[in-house]
Amino acid sequence: MVVEDEEDLLDLMVDSLSPYYTVMTYENGKTAYDHIDEYSWELIISDLRMPVMNGMELYAEAVKRNPGLKRRFMFITGDTYDFQVKEFLESTGVTYLRKPFRIKELRETVSRQLQCRVVTE
């Protein structure tokens, strides 16, 4: 699952990941949350700053609903210097990529996240 409100970035992420993975997309945390129970998500890649429901809210609600999703999140953000974002990322320990990122970096991080899940579960 990829949750991103910037259409160009969302398209770029889908184009770079879809040759290797099945990718479902949502434009904000609320629409993603509405579909959270539809699949057994291997990985949820979410922007942190979005309208309607941001990535922090999506994470909190999804994990409350299904604690097993805690290790399935990965964030992308351009706000790593914002105090609230920094505190959130440190407290959750969730992997994140800073915007802008390279496609190679995205693919490697996704691959690593999925491999870690297999080993730890």
PDB file of N, CA and C in Angstrom:
ATOM      1  N   MET A   1       0.853  -1.171   0.000  1.00  0.00           N
ATOM      2  CA  MET A   1       0.000   0.000   0.000  1.00  0.00           C
ATOM      3  C   MET A   1       0.900   1.235   0.000  1.00  0.00           C
ATOM      4  N   VAL A   2       0.582   2.189  -0.866  1.00  0.00           N
ATOM      5  CA  VAL A   2       1.284   3.469  -0.882  1.00  0.00           C
ATOM      6  C   VAL A   2       0.250   4.568  -0.668  1.00  0.00           C
ATOM      7  N   VAL A   3       0.493   5.406   0.345  1.00  0.00           N
ATOM      8  CA  VAL A   3      -0.422   6.489   0.688  1.00  0.00           C
ATOM      9  C   VAL A   3       0.335   7.803   0.520  1.00  0.00           C
ATOM     10  N   GLU A   4      -0.067   8.582  -0.468  1.00  0.00           N
ATOM     11  CA  GLU A   4       0.653   9.817  -0.808  1.00  0.00           C
ATOM     12  C   GLU A   4      -0.310  10.771  -1.498  1.00  0.00           C
ATOM     13  N   ASP A   5      -0.333  12.024  -1.063  1.00  0.00           N
ATOM     14  CA  ASP A   5      -1.248  13.003  -1.651  1.00  0.00           C
ATOM     15  C   ASP A   5      -0.654  13.751  -2.843  1.00  0.00           C
ATOM     16  N   GLU A   6       0.646  13.691  -3.038  1.00  0.00           N
ATOM     17  CA  GLU A   6       1.274  14.340  -4.192  1.00  0.00           C
ATOM     18  C   GLU A   6       1.212  13.376  -5.378  1.00  0.00           C
ATOM     19  N   GLU A   7       0.352  13.700  -6.337  1.00  0.00           N
ATOM     20  CA  GLU A   7       0.082  12.791  -7.448  1.00  0.00           C
ATOM     21  C   GLU A   7       1.329  12.408  -8.242  1.00  0.00           C
ATOM     22  N   ASP A   8       2.199  13.375  -8.520  1.00  0.00           N
ATOM     23  CA  ASP A   8       3.414  13.074  -9.294  1.00  0.00           C
ATOM     24  C   ASP A   8       4.325  12.102  -8.552  1.00  0.00           C
ATOM     25  N   LEU A   9       4.485  12.314  -7.260  1.00  0.00           N
ATOM     26  CA  LEU A   9       5.322  11.419  -6.460  1.00  0.00           C
ATOM     27  C   LEU A   9       4.680  10.039  -6.357  1.00  0.00           C
ATOM     28  N   LEU A  10       3.373  10.007  -6.185  1.00  0.00           N
ATOM     29  CA  LEU A  10       2.658   8.731  -6.119  1.00  0.00           C
ATOM     30  C   LEU A  10       2.864   7.943  -7.413  1.00  0.00           C
ATOM     31  N   ASP A  11       2.711   8.608  -8.555  1.00  0.00           N
ATOM     32  CA  ASP A  11       2.913   7.942  -9.847  1.00  0.00           C
ATOM     33  C   ASP A  11       4.340   7.423  -9.990  1.00  0.00           C
ATOM     34  N   LEU A  12       5.300   8.216  -9.573  1.00  0.00           N
ATOM     35  CA  LEU A  12       6.704   7.810  -9.644  1.00  0.00           C
ATOM     36  C   LEU A  12       6.969   6.582  -8.771  1.00  0.00           C
ATOM     37  N   MET A  13       6.406   6.575  -7.575  1.00  0.00           N
ATOM     38  CA  MET A  13       6.590   5.437  -6.670  1.00  0.00           C
ATOM     39  C   MET A  13       5.948   4.178  -7.241  1.00  0.00           C
ATOM     40  N   VAL A  14       4.755   4.320  -7.795  1.00  0.00           N
ATOM     41  CA  VAL A  14       4.075   3.167  -8.394  1.00  0.00           C
ATOM     42  C   VAL A  14       4.890   2.639  -9.569  1.00  0.00           C
ATOM     43  N   ASP A  15       5.344   3.531 -10.437  1.00  0.00           N
ATOM     44  CA  ASP A  15       6.139   3.106 -11.596  1.00  0.00           C
ATOM     45  C   ASP A  15       7.413   2.377 -11.182  1.00  0.00           C
ATOM     46  N   SER A  16       8.023   2.801 -10.090  1.00  0.00           N
ATOM     47  CA  SER A  16       9.283   2.185  -9.675  1.00  0.00           C
ATOM     48  C   SER A  16       9.092   0.903  -8.870  1.00  0.00           C
ATOM     49  N   LEU A  17       7.953   0.747  -8.210  1.00  0.00           N
ATOM     50  CA  LEU A  17       7.727  -0.447  -7.383  1.00  0.00           C
ATOM     51  C   LEU A  17       6.888  -1.528  -8.068  1.00  0.00           C
ATOM     52  N   SER A  18       5.999  -1.130  -8.975  1.00  0.00           N
ATOM     53  CA  SER A  18       5.067  -2.104  -9.559  1.00  0.00           C
ATOM     54  C   SER A  18       5.716  -3.212 -10.393  1.00  0.00           C
ATOM     55  N   PRO A  19       6.912  -3.029 -10.959  1.00  0.00           N
ATOM     56  CA  PRO A  19       7.530  -4.178 -11.626  1.00  0.00           C
ATOM     57  C   PRO A  19       7.894  -5.315 -10.656  1.00  0.00           C
ATOM     58  N   TYR A  20       7.983  -5.001  -9.374  1.00  0.00           N
ATOM     59  CA  TYR A  20       8.425  -5.977  -8.383  1.00  0.00           C
ATOM     60  C   TYR A  20       7.339  -6.380  -7.386  1.00  0.00           C
ATOM     61  N   TYR A  21       6.352  -5.511  -7.197  1.00  0.00           N
ATOM     62  CA  TYR A  21       5.333  -5.727  -6.166  1.00  0.00           C
ATOM     63  C   TYR A  21       3.959  -5.324  -6.691  1.00  0.00           C
ATOM     64  N   THR A  22       2.933  -5.880  -6.070  1.00  0.00           N
ATOM     65  CA  THR A  22       1.576  -5.405  -6.317  1.00  0.00           C
ATOM     66  C   THR A  22       1.391  -4.160  -5.462  1.00  0.00           C
ATOM     67  N   VAL A  23       1.010  -3.057  -6.091  1.00  0.00           N
ATOM     68  CA  VAL A  23       0.920  -1.780  -5.384  1.00  0.00           C
ATOM     69  C   VAL A  23      -0.507  -1.241  -5.448  1.00  0.00           C
ATOM     70  N   MET A  24      -1.075  -0.981  -4.288  1.00  0.00           N
ATOM     71  CA  MET A  24      -2.382  -0.321  -4.179  1.00  0.00           C
ATOM     72  C   MET A  24      -2.107   1.090  -3.679  1.00  0.00           C
ATOM     73  N   THR A  25      -2.843   2.071  -4.194  1.00  0.00           N
ATOM     74  CA  THR A  25      -2.573   3.460  -3.827  1.00  0.00           C
ATOM     75  C   THR A  25      -3.803   4.147  -3.239  1.00  0.00           C
ATOM     76  N   TYR A  26      -3.522   5.081  -2.339  1.00  0.00           N
ATOM     77  CA  TYR A  26      -4.562   5.900  -1.715  1.00  0.00           C
ATOM     78  C   TYR A  26      -4.014   7.308  -1.559  1.00  0.00           C
ATOM     79  N   GLU A  27      -4.895   8.302  -1.716  1.00  0.00           N
ATOM     80  CA  GLU A  27      -4.444   9.695  -1.729  1.00  0.00           C
ATOM     81  C   GLU A  27      -4.403  10.360  -0.361  1.00  0.00           C
ATOM     82  N   ASN A  28      -4.914   9.700   0.662  1.00  0.00           N
ATOM     83  CA  ASN A  28      -4.810  10.239   2.023  1.00  0.00           C
ATOM     84  C   ASN A  28      -5.012   9.114   3.031  1.00  0.00           C
ATOM     85  N   GLY A  29      -4.715   9.404   4.276  1.00  0.00           N
ATOM     86  CA  GLY A  29      -4.806   8.390   5.317  1.00  0.00           C
ATOM     87  C   GLY A  29      -6.209   7.855   5.531  1.00  0.00           C
ATOM     88  N   LYS A  30      -7.211   8.690   5.329  1.00  0.00           N
ATOM     89  CA  LYS A  30      -8.601   8.261   5.551  1.00  0.00           C
ATOM     90  C   LYS A  30      -9.008   7.191   4.551  1.00  0.00           C
ATOM     91  N   THR A  31      -8.729   7.413   3.268  1.00  0.00           N
ATOM     92  CA  THR A  31      -9.101   6.397   2.278  1.00  0.00           C
ATOM     93  C   THR A  31      -8.292   5.118   2.495  1.00  0.00           C
ATOM     94  N   ALA A  32      -7.030   5.257   2.880  1.00  0.00           N
ATOM     95  CA  ALA A  32      -6.218   4.072   3.181  1.00  0.00           C
ATOM     96  C   ALA A  32      -6.802   3.323   4.373  1.00  0.00           C
ATOM     97  N   TYR A  33      -7.149   4.055   5.415  1.00  0.00           N
ATOM     98  CA  TYR A  33      -7.706   3.429   6.619  1.00  0.00           C
ATOM     99  C   TYR A  33      -9.017   2.708   6.303  1.00  0.00           C
ATOM    100  N   ASP A  34      -9.815   3.283   5.430  1.00  0.00           N
ATOM    101  CA  ASP A  34     -11.083   2.655   5.043  1.00  0.00           C
ATOM    102  C   ASP A  34     -10.871   1.295   4.379  1.00  0.00           C
ATOM    103  N   HIS A  35      -9.680   1.050   3.850  1.00  0.00           N
ATOM    104  CA  HIS A  35      -9.374  -0.210   3.155  1.00  0.00           C
ATOM    105  C   HIS A  35      -8.373  -1.080   3.918  1.00  0.00           C
ATOM    106  N   ILE A  36      -8.067  -0.720   5.134  1.00  0.00           N
ATOM    107  CA  ILE A  36      -6.999  -1.388   5.895  1.00  0.00           C
ATOM    108  C   ILE A  36      -7.284  -2.869   6.150  1.00  0.00           C
ATOM    109  N   ASP A  37      -8.548  -3.243   6.241  1.00  0.00           N
ATOM    110  CA  ASP A  37      -8.899  -4.637   6.519  1.00  0.00           C
ATOM    111  C   ASP A  37      -9.132  -5.475   5.264  1.00  0.00           C
ATOM    112  N   GLU A  38      -9.033  -4.870   4.094  1.00  0.00           N
ATOM    113  CA  GLU A  38      -9.345  -5.581   2.854  1.00  0.00           C
ATOM    114  C   GLU A  38      -8.271  -6.579   2.432  1.00  0.00           C
ATOM    115  N   TYR A  39      -7.039  -6.328   2.832  1.00  0.00           N
ATOM    116  CA  TYR A  39      -5.922  -7.184   2.433  1.00  0.00           C
ATOM    117  C   TYR A  39      -5.011  -7.429   3.625  1.00  0.00           C
ATOM    118  N   SER A  40      -4.151  -8.408   3.479  1.00  0.00           N
ATOM    119  CA  SER A  40      -3.091  -8.617   4.458  1.00  0.00           C
ATOM    120  C   SER A  40      -1.877  -7.854   3.920  1.00  0.00           C
ATOM    121  N   TRP A  41      -1.764  -6.592   4.300  1.00  0.00           N
ATOM    122  CA  TRP A  41      -0.729  -5.718   3.757  1.00  0.00           C
ATOM    123  C   TRP A  41       0.657  -6.166   4.203  1.00  0.00           C
ATOM    124  N   GLU A  42       1.541  -6.342   3.250  1.00  0.00           N
ATOM    125  CA  GLU A  42       2.929  -6.678   3.559  1.00  0.00           C
ATOM    126  C   GLU A  42       3.681  -5.441   4.030  1.00  0.00           C
ATOM    127  N   LEU A  43       3.358  -4.295   3.416  1.00  0.00           N
ATOM    128  CA  LEU A  43       4.033  -3.047   3.751  1.00  0.00           C
ATOM    129  C   LEU A  43       3.097  -1.886   3.449  1.00  0.00           C
ATOM    130  N   ILE A  44       3.068  -0.920   4.351  1.00  0.00           N
ATOM    131  CA  ILE A  44       2.268   0.290   4.168  1.00  0.00           C
ATOM    132  C   ILE A  44       3.246   1.463   4.147  1.00  0.00           C
ATOM    133  N   ILE A  45       3.412   2.053   2.975  1.00  0.00           N
ATOM    134  CA  ILE A  45       4.300   3.204   2.810  1.00  0.00           C
ATOM    135  C   ILE A  45       3.419   4.444   2.827  1.00  0.00           C
ATOM    136  N   SER A  46       3.647   5.309   3.787  1.00  0.00           N
ATOM    137  CA  SER A  46       2.769   6.467   3.934  1.00  0.00           C
ATOM    138  C   SER A  46       3.546   7.767   4.099  1.00  0.00           C
ATOM    139  N   ASP A  47       3.066   8.787   3.406  1.00  0.00           N
ATOM    140  CA  ASP A  47       3.536  10.141   3.661  1.00  0.00           C
ATOM    141  C   ASP A  47       3.062  10.515   5.061  1.00  0.00           C
ATOM    142  N   LEU A  48       3.747  11.422   5.708  1.00  0.00           N
ATOM    143  CA  LEU A  48       3.308  11.862   7.034  1.00  0.00           C
ATOM    144  C   LEU A  48       2.358  13.049   6.963  1.00  0.00           C
ATOM    145  N   ARG A  49       2.604  13.968   6.038  1.00  0.00           N
ATOM    146  CA  ARG A  49       1.776  15.177   5.933  1.00  0.00           C
ATOM    147  C   ARG A  49       0.808  15.045   4.763  1.00  0.00           C
ATOM    148  N   MET A  50      -0.473  14.858   5.087  1.00  0.00           N
ATOM    149  CA  MET A  50      -1.514  14.742   4.066  1.00  0.00           C
ATOM    150  C   MET A  50      -2.796  15.363   4.604  1.00  0.00           C
ATOM    151  N   PRO A  51      -3.690  15.760   3.693  1.00  0.00           N
ATOM    152  CA  PRO A  51      -4.984  16.267   4.150  1.00  0.00           C
ATOM    153  C   PRO A  51      -5.880  15.127   4.641  1.00  0.00           C
ATOM    154  N   VAL A  52      -6.936  15.458   5.285  1.00  0.00           N
ATOM    155  CA  VAL A  52      -7.983  14.568   5.788  1.00  0.00           C
ATOM    156  C   VAL A  52      -7.498  13.751   6.981  1.00  0.00           C
ATOM    157  N   MET A  53      -6.542  12.847   6.777  1.00  0.00           N
ATOM    158  CA  MET A  53      -5.932  12.067   7.858  1.00  0.00           C
ATOM    159  C   MET A  53      -4.457  11.913   7.511  1.00  0.00           C
ATOM    160  N   ASN A  54      -3.578  12.417   8.364  1.00  0.00           N
ATOM    161  CA  ASN A  54      -2.150  12.341   8.052  1.00  0.00           C
ATOM    162  C   ASN A  54      -1.582  10.961   8.389  1.00  0.00           C
ATOM    163  N   GLY A  55      -0.322  10.760   8.053  1.00  0.00           N
ATOM    164  CA  GLY A  55       0.314   9.463   8.263  1.00  0.00           C
ATOM    165  C   GLY A  55       0.435   9.054   9.717  1.00  0.00           C
ATOM    166  N   MET A  56       0.627  10.028  10.599  1.00  0.00           N
ATOM    167  CA  MET A  56       0.709   9.719  12.033  1.00  0.00           C
ATOM    168  C   MET A  56      -0.636   9.229  12.555  1.00  0.00           C
ATOM    169  N   GLU A  57      -1.702   9.872  12.104  1.00  0.00           N
ATOM    170  CA  GLU A  57      -3.052   9.449  12.502  1.00  0.00           C
ATOM    171  C   GLU A  57      -3.389   8.083  11.910  1.00  0.00           C
ATOM    172  N   LEU A  58      -3.013   7.875  10.649  1.00  0.00           N
ATOM    173  CA  LEU A  58      -3.238   6.576  10.010  1.00  0.00           C
ATOM    174  C   LEU A  58      -2.539   5.474  10.792  1.00  0.00           C
ATOM    175  N   TYR A  59      -1.285   5.695  11.134  1.00  0.00           N
ATOM    176  CA  TYR A  59      -0.516   4.711  11.900  1.00  0.00           C
ATOM    177  C   TYR A  59      -1.201   4.406  13.233  1.00  0.00           C
ATOM    178  N   ALA A  60      -1.555   5.448  13.969  1.00  0.00           N
ATOM    179  CA  ALA A  60      -2.172   5.264  15.290  1.00  0.00           C
ATOM    180  C   ALA A  60      -3.479   4.485  15.192  1.00  0.00           C
ATOM    181  N   GLU A  61      -4.325   4.847  14.251  1.00  0.00           N
ATOM    182  CA  GLU A  61      -5.623   4.178  14.107  1.00  0.00           C
ATOM    183  C   GLU A  61      -5.465   2.750  13.590  1.00  0.00           C
ATOM    184  N   ALA A  62      -4.583   2.551  12.627  1.00  0.00           N
ATOM    185  CA  ALA A  62      -4.378   1.214  12.057  1.00  0.00           C
ATOM    186  C   ALA A  62      -3.813   0.253  13.095  1.00  0.00           C
ATOM    187  N   VAL A  63      -2.843   0.716  13.878  1.00  0.00           N
ATOM    188  CA  VAL A  63      -2.218  -0.131  14.899  1.00  0.00           C
ATOM    189  C   VAL A  63      -3.195  -0.407  16.045  1.00  0.00           C
ATOM    190  N   LYS A  64      -4.034   0.565  16.341  1.00  0.00           N
ATOM    191  CA  LYS A  64      -5.060   0.358  17.367  1.00  0.00           C
ATOM    192  C   LYS A  64      -6.034  -0.739  16.914  1.00  0.00           C
ATOM    193  N   ARG A  65      -6.368  -0.710  15.644  1.00  0.00           N
ATOM    194  CA  ARG A  65      -7.298  -1.687  15.071  1.00  0.00           C
ATOM    195  C   ARG A  65      -6.647  -3.055  14.906  1.00  0.00           C
ATOM    196  N   ASN A  66      -5.369  -3.045  14.502  1.00  0.00           N
ATOM    197  CA  ASN A  66      -4.645  -4.292  14.253  1.00  0.00           C
ATOM    198  C   ASN A  66      -3.179  -4.101  14.664  1.00  0.00           C
ATOM    199  N   PRO A  67      -2.815  -4.472  15.896  1.00  0.00           N
ATOM    200  CA  PRO A  67      -1.442  -4.273  16.376  1.00  0.00           C
ATOM    201  C   PRO A  67      -0.372  -4.924  15.496  1.00  0.00           C
ATOM    202  N   GLY A  68      -0.734  -5.933  14.730  1.00  0.00           N
ATOM    203  CA  GLY A  68       0.215  -6.589  13.842  1.00  0.00           C
ATOM    204  C   GLY A  68       0.720  -5.691  12.722  1.00  0.00           C
ATOM    205  N   LEU A  69       0.027  -4.590  12.470  1.00  0.00           N
ATOM    206  CA  LEU A  69       0.450  -3.669  11.416  1.00  0.00           C
ATOM    207  C   LEU A  69       1.609  -2.776  11.842  1.00  0.00           C
ATOM    208  N   LYS A  70       1.921  -2.778  13.115  1.00  0.00           N
ATOM    209  CA  LYS A  70       2.961  -1.896  13.652  1.00  0.00           C
ATOM    210  C   LYS A  70       4.285  -2.025  12.897  1.00  0.00           C
ATOM    211  N   ARG A  71       4.695  -3.240  12.594  1.00  0.00           N
ATOM    212  CA  ARG A  71       5.971  -3.468  11.907  1.00  0.00           C
ATOM    213  C   ARG A  71       5.840  -3.409  10.386  1.00  0.00           C
ATOM    214  N   ARG A  72       4.663  -3.097   9.896  1.00  0.00           N
ATOM    215  CA  ARG A  72       4.455  -3.082   8.449  1.00  0.00           C
ATOM    216  C   ARG A  72       4.448  -1.678   7.852  1.00  0.00           C
ATOM    217  N   PHE A  73       4.704  -0.690   8.667  1.00  0.00           N
ATOM    218  CA  PHE A  73       4.701   0.695   8.188  1.00  0.00           C
ATOM    219  C   PHE A  73       6.096   1.162   7.805  1.00  0.00           C
ATOM    220  N   MET A  74       6.109   2.068   6.843  1.00  0.00           N
ATOM    221  CA  MET A  74       7.304   2.795   6.437  1.00  0.00           C
ATOM    222  C   MET A  74       6.826   4.186   6.039  1.00  0.00           C
ATOM    223  N   PHE A  75       7.528   5.222   6.461  1.00  0.00           N
ATOM    224  CA  PHE A  75       7.083   6.580   6.174  1.00  0.00           C
ATOM    225  C   PHE A  75       8.002   7.294   5.198  1.00  0.00           C
ATOM    226  N   ILE A  76       7.412   8.251   4.487  1.00  0.00           N
ATOM    227  CA  ILE A  76       8.172   9.177   3.662  1.00  0.00           C
ATOM    228  C   ILE A  76       7.773  10.577   4.112  1.00  0.00           C
ATOM    229  N   THR A  77       8.758  11.451   4.236  1.00  0.00           N
ATOM    230  CA  THR A  77       8.452  12.791   4.724  1.00  0.00           C
ATOM    231  C   THR A  77       9.537  13.787   4.350  1.00  0.00           C
ATOM    232  N   GLY A  78       9.127  15.013   4.219  1.00  0.00           N
ATOM    233  CA  GLY A  78      10.063  16.100   4.020  1.00  0.00           C
ATOM    234  C   GLY A  78      10.210  16.932   5.282  1.00  0.00           C
ATOM    235  N   ASP A  79       9.548  16.506   6.344  1.00  0.00           N
ATOM    236  CA  ASP A  79       9.469  17.285   7.589  1.00  0.00           C
ATOM    237  C   ASP A  79      10.264  16.687   8.743  1.00  0.00           C
ATOM    238  N   THR A  80      11.421  16.120   8.501  1.00  0.00           N
ATOM    239  CA  THR A  80      12.149  15.451   9.586  1.00  0.00           C
ATOM    240  C   THR A  80      12.700  16.415  10.630  1.00  0.00           C
ATOM    241  N   TYR A  81      12.684  17.705  10.341  1.00  0.00           N
ATOM    242  CA  TYR A  81      13.165  18.677  11.325  1.00  0.00           C
ATOM    243  C   TYR A  81      12.034  19.252  12.171  1.00  0.00           C
ATOM    244  N   ASP A  82      10.790  18.977  11.794  1.00  0.00           N
ATOM    245  CA  ASP A  82       9.641  19.400  12.583  1.00  0.00           C
ATOM    246  C   ASP A  82       9.640  18.612  13.895  1.00  0.00           C
ATOM    247  N   PHE A  83       9.487  19.293  15.018  1.00  0.00           N
ATOM    248  CA  PHE A  83       9.572  18.643  16.325  1.00  0.00           C
ATOM    249  C   PHE A  83       8.574  17.499  16.467  1.00  0.00           C
ATOM    250  N   GLN A  84       7.318  17.728  16.088  1.00  0.00           N
ATOM    251  CA  GLN A  84       6.283  16.700  16.228  1.00  0.00           C
ATOM    252  C   GLN A  84       6.616  15.466  15.384  1.00  0.00           C
ATOM    253  N   VAL A  85       7.057  15.688  14.160  1.00  0.00           N
ATOM    254  CA  VAL A  85       7.412  14.581  13.270  1.00  0.00           C
ATOM    255  C   VAL A  85       8.622  13.833  13.818  1.00  0.00           C
ATOM    256  N   LYS A  86       9.636  14.564  14.219  1.00  0.00           N
ATOM    257  CA  LYS A  86      10.849  13.940  14.759  1.00  0.00           C
ATOM    258  C   LYS A  86      10.523  13.100  15.993  1.00  0.00           C
ATOM    259  N   GLU A  87       9.722  13.646  16.885  1.00  0.00           N
ATOM    260  CA  GLU A  87       9.326  12.922  18.094  1.00  0.00           C
ATOM    261  C   GLU A  87       8.531  11.661  17.744  1.00  0.00           C
ATOM    262  N   PHE A  88       7.621  11.779  16.782  1.00  0.00           N
ATOM    263  CA  PHE A  88       6.821  10.635  16.345  1.00  0.00           C
ATOM    264  C   PHE A  88       7.713   9.537  15.764  1.00  0.00           C
ATOM    265  N   LEU A  89       8.608   9.906  14.864  1.00  0.00           N
ATOM    266  CA  LEU A  89       9.485   8.915  14.234  1.00  0.00           C
ATOM    267  C   LEU A  89      10.381   8.230  15.258  1.00  0.00           C
ATOM    268  N   GLU A  90      10.897   8.987  16.207  1.00  0.00           N
ATOM    269  CA  GLU A  90      11.744   8.401  17.248  1.00  0.00           C
ATOM    270  C   GLU A  90      10.946   7.484  18.166  1.00  0.00           C
ATOM    271  N   SER A  91       9.738   7.879  18.517  1.00  0.00           N
ATOM    272  CA  SER A  91       8.943   7.081  19.457  1.00  0.00           C
ATOM    273  C   SER A  91       8.435   5.781  18.841  1.00  0.00           C
ATOM    274  N   THR A  92       8.162   5.786  17.539  1.00  0.00           N
ATOM    275  CA  THR A  92       7.652   4.570  16.896  1.00  0.00           C
ATOM    276  C   THR A  92       8.771   3.662  16.409  1.00  0.00           C
ATOM    277  N   GLY A  93       9.910   4.242  16.057  1.00  0.00           N
ATOM    278  CA  GLY A  93      11.002   3.449  15.507  1.00  0.00           C
ATOM    279  C   GLY A  93      10.736   2.958  14.098  1.00  0.00           C
ATOM    280  N   VAL A  94       9.739   3.515  13.451  1.00  0.00           N
ATOM    281  CA  VAL A  94       9.375   3.096  12.098  1.00  0.00           C
ATOM    282  C   VAL A  94      10.403   3.642  11.103  1.00  0.00           C
ATOM    283  N   THR A  95      10.775   2.826  10.137  1.00  0.00           N
ATOM    284  CA  THR A  95      11.698   3.232   9.087  1.00  0.00           C
ATOM    285  C   THR A  95      11.080   4.359   8.268  1.00  0.00           C
ATOM    286  N   TYR A  96      11.908   5.302   7.840  1.00  0.00           N
ATOM    287  CA  TYR A  96      11.394   6.392   7.010  1.00  0.00           C
ATOM    288  C   TYR A  96      12.442   6.827   5.999  1.00  0.00           C
ATOM    289  N   LEU A  97      11.948   7.426   4.934  1.00  0.00           N
ATOM    290  CA  LEU A  97      12.797   8.039   3.915  1.00  0.00           C
ATOM    291  C   LEU A  97      12.511   9.530   3.907  1.00  0.00           C
ATOM    292  N   ARG A  98      13.571  10.320   3.794  1.00  0.00           N
ATOM    293  CA  ARG A  98      13.403  11.770   3.672  1.00  0.00           C
ATOM    294  C   ARG A  98      13.165  12.132   2.214  1.00  0.00           C
ATOM    295  N   LYS A  99      12.194  13.009   1.983  1.00  0.00           N
ATOM    296  CA  LYS A  99      11.992  13.566   0.646  1.00  0.00           C
ATOM    297  C   LYS A  99      12.992  14.697   0.459  1.00  0.00           C
ATOM    298  N   PRO A 100      13.552  14.858  -0.709  1.00  0.00           N
ATOM    299  CA  PRO A 100      13.425  13.965  -1.857  1.00  0.00           C
ATOM    300  C   PRO A 100      14.336  12.751  -1.690  1.00  0.00           C
ATOM    301  N   PHE A 101      13.924  11.652  -2.252  1.00  0.00           N
ATOM    302  CA  PHE A 101      14.731  10.432  -2.182  1.00  0.00           C
ATOM    303  C   PHE A 101      14.941   9.902  -3.591  1.00  0.00           C
ATOM    304  N   ARG A 102      15.937   9.059  -3.734  1.00  0.00           N
ATOM    305  CA  ARG A 102      16.221   8.430  -5.030  1.00  0.00           C
ATOM    306  C   ARG A 102      15.387   7.160  -5.163  1.00  0.00           C
ATOM    307  N   ILE A 103      15.042   6.831  -6.388  1.00  0.00           N
ATOM    308  CA  ILE A 103      14.260   5.621  -6.651  1.00  0.00           C
ATOM    309  C   ILE A 103      15.003   4.394  -6.135  1.00  0.00           C
ATOM    310  N   LYS A 104      16.300   4.352  -6.356  1.00  0.00           N
ATOM    311  CA  LYS A 104      17.108   3.227  -5.870  1.00  0.00           C
ATOM    312  C   LYS A 104      16.985   3.104  -4.354  1.00  0.00           C
ATOM    313  N   GLU A 105      17.014   4.226  -3.664  1.00  0.00           N
ATOM    314  CA  GLU A 105      16.882   4.236  -2.204  1.00  0.00           C
ATOM    315  C   GLU A 105      15.508   3.704  -1.778  1.00  0.00           C
ATOM    316  N   LEU A 106      14.470   4.099  -2.498  1.00  0.00           N
ATOM    317  CA  LEU A 106      13.121   3.600  -2.214  1.00  0.00           C
ATOM    318  C   LEU A 106      13.065   2.085  -2.388  1.00  0.00           C
ATOM    319  N   ARG A 107      13.535   1.600  -3.523  1.00  0.00           N
ATOM    320  CA  ARG A 107      13.498   0.154  -3.789  1.00  0.00           C
ATOM    321  C   ARG A 107      14.295  -0.638  -2.753  1.00  0.00           C
ATOM    322  N   GLU A 108      15.482  -0.151  -2.413  1.00  0.00           N
ATOM    323  CA  GLU A 108      16.318  -0.852  -1.431  1.00  0.00           C
ATOM    324  C   GLU A 108      15.669  -0.868  -0.051  1.00  0.00           C
ATOM    325  N   THR A 109      15.071   0.237   0.342  1.00  0.00           N
ATOM    326  CA  THR A 109      14.435   0.310   1.655  1.00  0.00           C
ATOM    327  C   THR A 109      13.209  -0.589   1.714  1.00  0.00           C
ATOM    328  N   VAL A 110      12.418  -0.597   0.664  1.00  0.00           N
ATOM    329  CA  VAL A 110      11.248  -1.481   0.611  1.00  0.00           C
ATOM    330  C   VAL A 110      11.696  -2.933   0.681  1.00  0.00           C
ATOM    331  N   SER A 111      12.687  -3.297  -0.100  1.00  0.00           N
ATOM    332  CA  SER A 111      13.199  -4.667  -0.093  1.00  0.00           C
ATOM    333  C   SER A 111      13.699  -5.067   1.290  1.00  0.00           C
ATOM    334  N   ARG A 112      14.446  -4.185   1.922  1.00  0.00           N
ATOM    335  CA  ARG A 112      14.970  -4.448   3.267  1.00  0.00           C
ATOM    336  C   ARG A 112      13.832  -4.608   4.283  1.00  0.00           C
ATOM    337  N   GLN A 113      12.830  -3.756   4.188  1.00  0.00           N
ATOM    338  CA  GLN A 113      11.691  -3.838   5.105  1.00  0.00           C
ATOM    339  C   GLN A 113      10.964  -5.173   4.962  1.00  0.00           C
ATOM    340  N   LEU A 114      10.764  -5.595   3.744  1.00  0.00           N
ATOM    341  CA  LEU A 114      10.064  -6.863   3.517  1.00  0.00           C
ATOM    342  C   LEU A 114      10.910  -8.048   3.966  1.00  0.00           C
ATOM    343  N   GLN A 115      12.213  -8.000   3.768  1.00  0.00           N
ATOM    344  CA  GLN A 115      13.095  -9.073   4.230  1.00  0.00           C
ATOM    345  C   GLN A 115      13.127  -9.136   5.746  1.00  0.00           C
ATOM    346  N   CYS A 116      13.169  -7.999   6.401  1.00  0.00           N
ATOM    347  CA  CYS A 116      13.171  -7.958   7.875  1.00  0.00           C
ATOM    348  C   CYS A 116      11.896  -8.561   8.427  1.00  0.00           C
ATOM    349  N   ARG A 117      10.780  -8.300   7.790  1.00  0.00           N
ATOM    350  CA  ARG A 117       9.505  -8.846   8.255  1.00  0.00           C
ATOM    351  C   ARG A 117       9.520 -10.367   8.198  1.00  0.00           C
ATOM    352  N   VAL A 118      10.055 -10.922   7.117  1.00  0.00           N
ATOM    353  CA  VAL A 118      10.092 -12.374   6.967  1.00  0.00           C
ATOM    354  C   VAL A 118      10.949 -12.997   8.056  1.00  0.00           C
ATOM    355  N   VAL A 119      12.068 -12.383   8.362  1.00  0.00           N
ATOM    356  CA  VAL A 119      12.992 -12.913   9.362  1.00  0.00           C
ATOM    357  C   VAL A 119      12.411 -12.820  10.770  1.00  0.00           C
ATOM    358  N   THR A 120      11.740 -11.719  11.091  1.00  0.00           N
ATOM    359  CA  THR A 120      11.268 -11.510  12.460  1.00  0.00           C
ATOM    360  C   THR A 120       9.904 -12.107  12.747  1.00  0.00           C
ATOM    361  N   GLU A 121       9.141 -12.446  11.738  1.00  0.00           N
ATOM    362  CA  GLU A 121       7.798 -12.990  12.010  1.00  0.00           C
ATOM    363  C   GLU A 121       7.770 -14.497  11.938  1.00  0.00           C
TER     364      GLU A 121
END
